[in-house]
Amino acid sequence: MSKKEKPVRADFARDTELVRLMKKAGCHTVYIGFESVNPRSLNGMKKKQTVADLVRAVKVLRRHRLKIHGMFV
């Protein structure tokens, strides 16, 4: 990643206005930390996000035609 590229958490996609503005500003790819898709692992790491949050984020980003670069632990 370059200095301009910053990863985000899946919960940022709850703000659909922000996602819309990112697209309008020319954003084409979002680096998003998924950490894990295992609910027990997410709880164990105290990530305060669920698999449903991750799925919702992917749907919002795809709806706005943004590419997703997923990062997993």
N, C-alpha and C. Protein backbone atom coordinates (compact mmCIF):
# COMPACT_ATOMS: atom_id res chain seq x y z
N MET A 1 0.84 -1.18 0.00
CA MET A 1 0.00 0.00 0.00
C MET A 1 0.88 1.24 0.00
N SER A 2 0.42 2.24 -0.70
CA SER A 2 1.14 3.51 -0.69
C SER A 2 0.68 4.35 0.50
N LYS A 3 1.33 5.48 0.70
CA LYS A 3 0.95 6.36 1.82
C LYS A 3 -0.47 6.89 1.67
N LYS A 4 -0.97 6.97 0.44
CA LYS A 4 -2.34 7.46 0.21
C LYS A 4 -3.39 6.42 0.58
N GLU A 5 -3.02 5.16 0.55
CA GLU A 5 -3.97 4.08 0.76
C GLU A 5 -4.03 3.71 2.24
N LYS A 6 -5.22 3.79 2.80
CA LYS A 6 -5.43 3.48 4.21
C LYS A 6 -6.51 2.42 4.33
N PRO A 7 -6.26 1.34 5.07
CA PRO A 7 -7.30 0.32 5.26
C PRO A 7 -8.40 0.84 6.18
N VAL A 8 -9.59 0.29 5.98
CA VAL A 8 -10.73 0.67 6.82
C VAL A 8 -11.33 -0.58 7.44
N ARG A 9 -12.13 -0.37 8.47
CA ARG A 9 -12.89 -1.46 9.08
C ARG A 9 -14.22 -1.59 8.33
N ALA A 10 -14.80 -2.77 8.40
CA ALA A 10 -16.05 -3.03 7.70
C ALA A 10 -17.17 -2.10 8.15
N ASP A 11 -17.14 -1.65 9.39
CA ASP A 11 -18.25 -0.83 9.89
C ASP A 11 -18.31 0.56 9.25
N PHE A 12 -17.27 0.97 8.54
CA PHE A 12 -17.32 2.27 7.88
C PHE A 12 -18.43 2.30 6.83
N ALA A 13 -18.77 1.15 6.26
CA ALA A 13 -19.77 1.08 5.19
C ALA A 13 -21.19 1.33 5.69
N ARG A 14 -21.37 1.42 7.01
CA ARG A 14 -22.69 1.78 7.54
C ARG A 14 -23.08 3.18 7.10
N ASP A 15 -22.07 4.01 6.85
CA ASP A 15 -22.30 5.39 6.41
C ASP A 15 -22.32 5.40 4.88
N THR A 16 -23.50 5.10 4.32
CA THR A 16 -23.60 5.00 2.87
C THR A 16 -23.36 6.34 2.17
N GLU A 17 -23.61 7.44 2.86
CA GLU A 17 -23.31 8.75 2.28
C GLU A 17 -21.80 8.91 2.10
N LEU A 18 -21.03 8.45 3.06
CA LEU A 18 -19.57 8.49 2.95
C LEU A 18 -19.11 7.65 1.77
N VAL A 19 -19.67 6.45 1.63
CA VAL A 19 -19.31 5.58 0.52
C VAL A 19 -19.65 6.25 -0.81
N ARG A 20 -20.81 6.86 -0.88
CA ARG A 20 -21.22 7.56 -2.11
C ARG A 20 -20.24 8.69 -2.44
N LEU A 21 -19.85 9.45 -1.43
CA LEU A 21 -18.92 10.55 -1.63
C LEU A 21 -17.53 10.06 -2.03
N MET A 22 -17.12 8.93 -1.47
CA MET A 22 -15.83 8.35 -1.86
C MET A 22 -15.83 8.02 -3.35
N LYS A 23 -16.90 7.40 -3.81
CA LYS A 23 -17.02 7.05 -5.23
C LYS A 23 -17.02 8.31 -6.08
N LYS A 24 -17.80 9.30 -5.67
CA LYS A 24 -17.89 10.55 -6.41
C LYS A 24 -16.53 11.25 -6.49
N ALA A 25 -15.72 11.10 -5.44
CA ALA A 25 -14.40 11.75 -5.39
C ALA A 25 -13.35 11.00 -6.20
N GLY A 26 -13.71 9.83 -6.74
CA GLY A 26 -12.78 9.10 -7.58
C GLY A 26 -12.19 7.85 -6.94
N CYS A 27 -12.63 7.51 -5.76
CA CYS A 27 -12.16 6.28 -5.12
C CYS A 27 -12.63 5.10 -5.98
N HIS A 28 -11.75 4.13 -6.20
CA HIS A 28 -12.15 2.97 -7.00
C HIS A 28 -11.92 1.65 -6.26
N THR A 29 -11.06 1.66 -5.24
CA THR A 29 -10.76 0.45 -4.49
C THR A 29 -10.70 0.77 -3.00
N VAL A 30 -11.30 -0.10 -2.20
CA VAL A 30 -11.28 0.07 -0.76
C VAL A 30 -10.52 -1.11 -0.15
N TYR A 31 -9.50 -0.79 0.64
CA TYR A 31 -8.74 -1.81 1.37
C TYR A 31 -9.45 -1.99 2.71
N ILE A 32 -10.00 -3.16 2.90
CA ILE A 32 -10.83 -3.37 4.08
C ILE A 32 -10.32 -4.57 4.88
N GLY A 33 -10.18 -4.37 6.18
CA GLY A 33 -9.72 -5.42 7.07
C GLY A 33 -10.87 -6.30 7.50
N PHE A 34 -10.88 -7.53 7.02
CA PHE A 34 -11.93 -8.46 7.40
C PHE A 34 -11.57 -9.25 8.65
N GLU A 35 -10.31 -9.27 9.03
CA GLU A 35 -9.81 -9.97 10.21
C GLU A 35 -10.10 -11.46 10.15
N SER A 36 -11.37 -11.85 10.13
CA SER A 36 -11.75 -13.26 10.09
C SER A 36 -13.21 -13.36 9.66
N VAL A 37 -13.57 -14.49 9.10
CA VAL A 37 -14.98 -14.75 8.78
C VAL A 37 -15.55 -15.82 9.72
N ASN A 38 -14.81 -16.09 10.78
CA ASN A 38 -15.25 -17.05 11.78
C ASN A 38 -15.78 -16.26 12.99
N PRO A 39 -17.08 -16.40 13.30
CA PRO A 39 -17.67 -15.65 14.41
C PRO A 39 -16.95 -15.86 15.74
N ARG A 40 -16.52 -17.08 16.01
CA ARG A 40 -15.81 -17.35 17.27
C ARG A 40 -14.47 -16.62 17.32
N SER A 41 -13.79 -16.57 16.19
CA SER A 41 -12.51 -15.85 16.14
C SER A 41 -12.73 -14.36 16.36
N LEU A 42 -13.77 -13.82 15.72
CA LEU A 42 -14.07 -12.38 15.90
C LEU A 42 -14.35 -12.07 17.36
N ASN A 43 -15.13 -12.92 18.00
CA ASN A 43 -15.42 -12.73 19.43
C ASN A 43 -14.15 -12.86 20.26
N GLY A 44 -13.36 -13.88 19.95
CA GLY A 44 -12.13 -14.11 20.69
C GLY A 44 -11.14 -12.96 20.57
N MET A 45 -11.11 -12.31 19.41
CA MET A 45 -10.22 -11.17 19.19
C MET A 45 -10.84 -9.86 19.65
N LYS A 46 -12.10 -9.94 20.14
CA LYS A 46 -12.83 -8.76 20.60
C LYS A 46 -12.87 -7.66 19.53
N LYS A 47 -13.22 -8.07 18.30
CA LYS A 47 -13.23 -7.14 17.17
C LYS A 47 -14.50 -6.30 17.08
N LYS A 48 -15.51 -6.65 17.85
CA LYS A 48 -16.77 -5.89 17.86
C LYS A 48 -17.36 -5.75 16.46
N GLN A 49 -17.25 -6.81 15.67
CA GLN A 49 -17.92 -6.86 14.38
C GLN A 49 -18.37 -8.29 14.15
N THR A 50 -19.38 -8.44 13.33
CA THR A 50 -19.93 -9.76 13.06
C THR A 50 -19.72 -10.10 11.59
N VAL A 51 -19.96 -11.36 11.26
CA VAL A 51 -19.89 -11.77 9.86
C VAL A 51 -20.95 -11.00 9.07
N ALA A 52 -22.10 -10.74 9.69
CA ALA A 52 -23.15 -9.96 9.02
C ALA A 52 -22.66 -8.56 8.69
N ASP A 53 -21.86 -7.95 9.57
CA ASP A 53 -21.27 -6.64 9.29
C ASP A 53 -20.38 -6.70 8.06
N LEU A 54 -19.61 -7.77 7.94
CA LEU A 54 -18.71 -7.93 6.81
C LEU A 54 -19.50 -8.09 5.51
N VAL A 55 -20.54 -8.91 5.56
CA VAL A 55 -21.38 -9.13 4.38
C VAL A 55 -22.05 -7.82 3.97
N ARG A 56 -22.55 -7.07 4.94
CA ARG A 56 -23.21 -5.79 4.66
C ARG A 56 -22.23 -4.83 3.98
N ALA A 57 -21.00 -4.78 4.48
CA ALA A 57 -20.00 -3.89 3.90
C ALA A 57 -19.72 -4.24 2.44
N VAL A 58 -19.58 -5.53 2.17
CA VAL A 58 -19.32 -5.97 0.79
C VAL A 58 -20.49 -5.57 -0.11
N LYS A 59 -21.71 -5.77 0.36
CA LYS A 59 -22.88 -5.42 -0.45
C LYS A 59 -22.93 -3.93 -0.74
N VAL A 60 -22.66 -3.11 0.27
CA VAL A 60 -22.69 -1.65 0.08
C VAL A 60 -21.62 -1.22 -0.92
N LEU A 61 -20.42 -1.75 -0.77
CA LEU A 61 -19.34 -1.38 -1.68
C LEU A 61 -19.62 -1.83 -3.10
N ARG A 62 -20.15 -3.02 -3.26
CA ARG A 62 -20.48 -3.51 -4.61
C ARG A 62 -21.61 -2.69 -5.22
N ARG A 63 -22.58 -2.30 -4.40
CA ARG A 63 -23.69 -1.47 -4.89
C ARG A 63 -23.17 -0.15 -5.45
N HIS A 64 -22.10 0.36 -4.86
CA HIS A 64 -21.50 1.62 -5.32
C HIS A 64 -20.37 1.39 -6.33
N ARG A 65 -20.25 0.16 -6.77
CA ARG A 65 -19.25 -0.23 -7.79
C ARG A 65 -17.82 0.11 -7.38
N LEU A 66 -17.52 -0.16 -6.11
CA LEU A 66 -16.17 0.01 -5.61
C LEU A 66 -15.52 -1.38 -5.51
N LYS A 67 -14.27 -1.48 -5.91
CA LYS A 67 -13.54 -2.74 -5.79
C LYS A 67 -13.13 -2.93 -4.34
N ILE A 68 -13.00 -4.17 -3.94
CA ILE A 68 -12.65 -4.50 -2.56
C ILE A 68 -11.35 -5.28 -2.54
N HIS A 69 -10.42 -4.77 -1.76
CA HIS A 69 -9.16 -5.48 -1.51
C HIS A 69 -9.25 -5.95 -0.06
N GLY A 70 -9.58 -7.22 0.13
CA GLY A 70 -9.76 -7.75 1.48
C GLY A 70 -8.45 -8.15 2.12
N MET A 71 -8.32 -7.82 3.39
CA MET A 71 -7.12 -8.19 4.15
C MET A 71 -7.57 -9.03 5.35
N PHE A 72 -6.95 -10.19 5.50
CA PHE A 72 -7.32 -11.14 6.54
C PHE A 72 -6.14 -11.37 7.47
N VAL A 73 -6.45 -11.67 8.72
CA VAL A 73 -5.41 -12.00 9.70
C VAL A 73 -5.22 -13.50 9.69
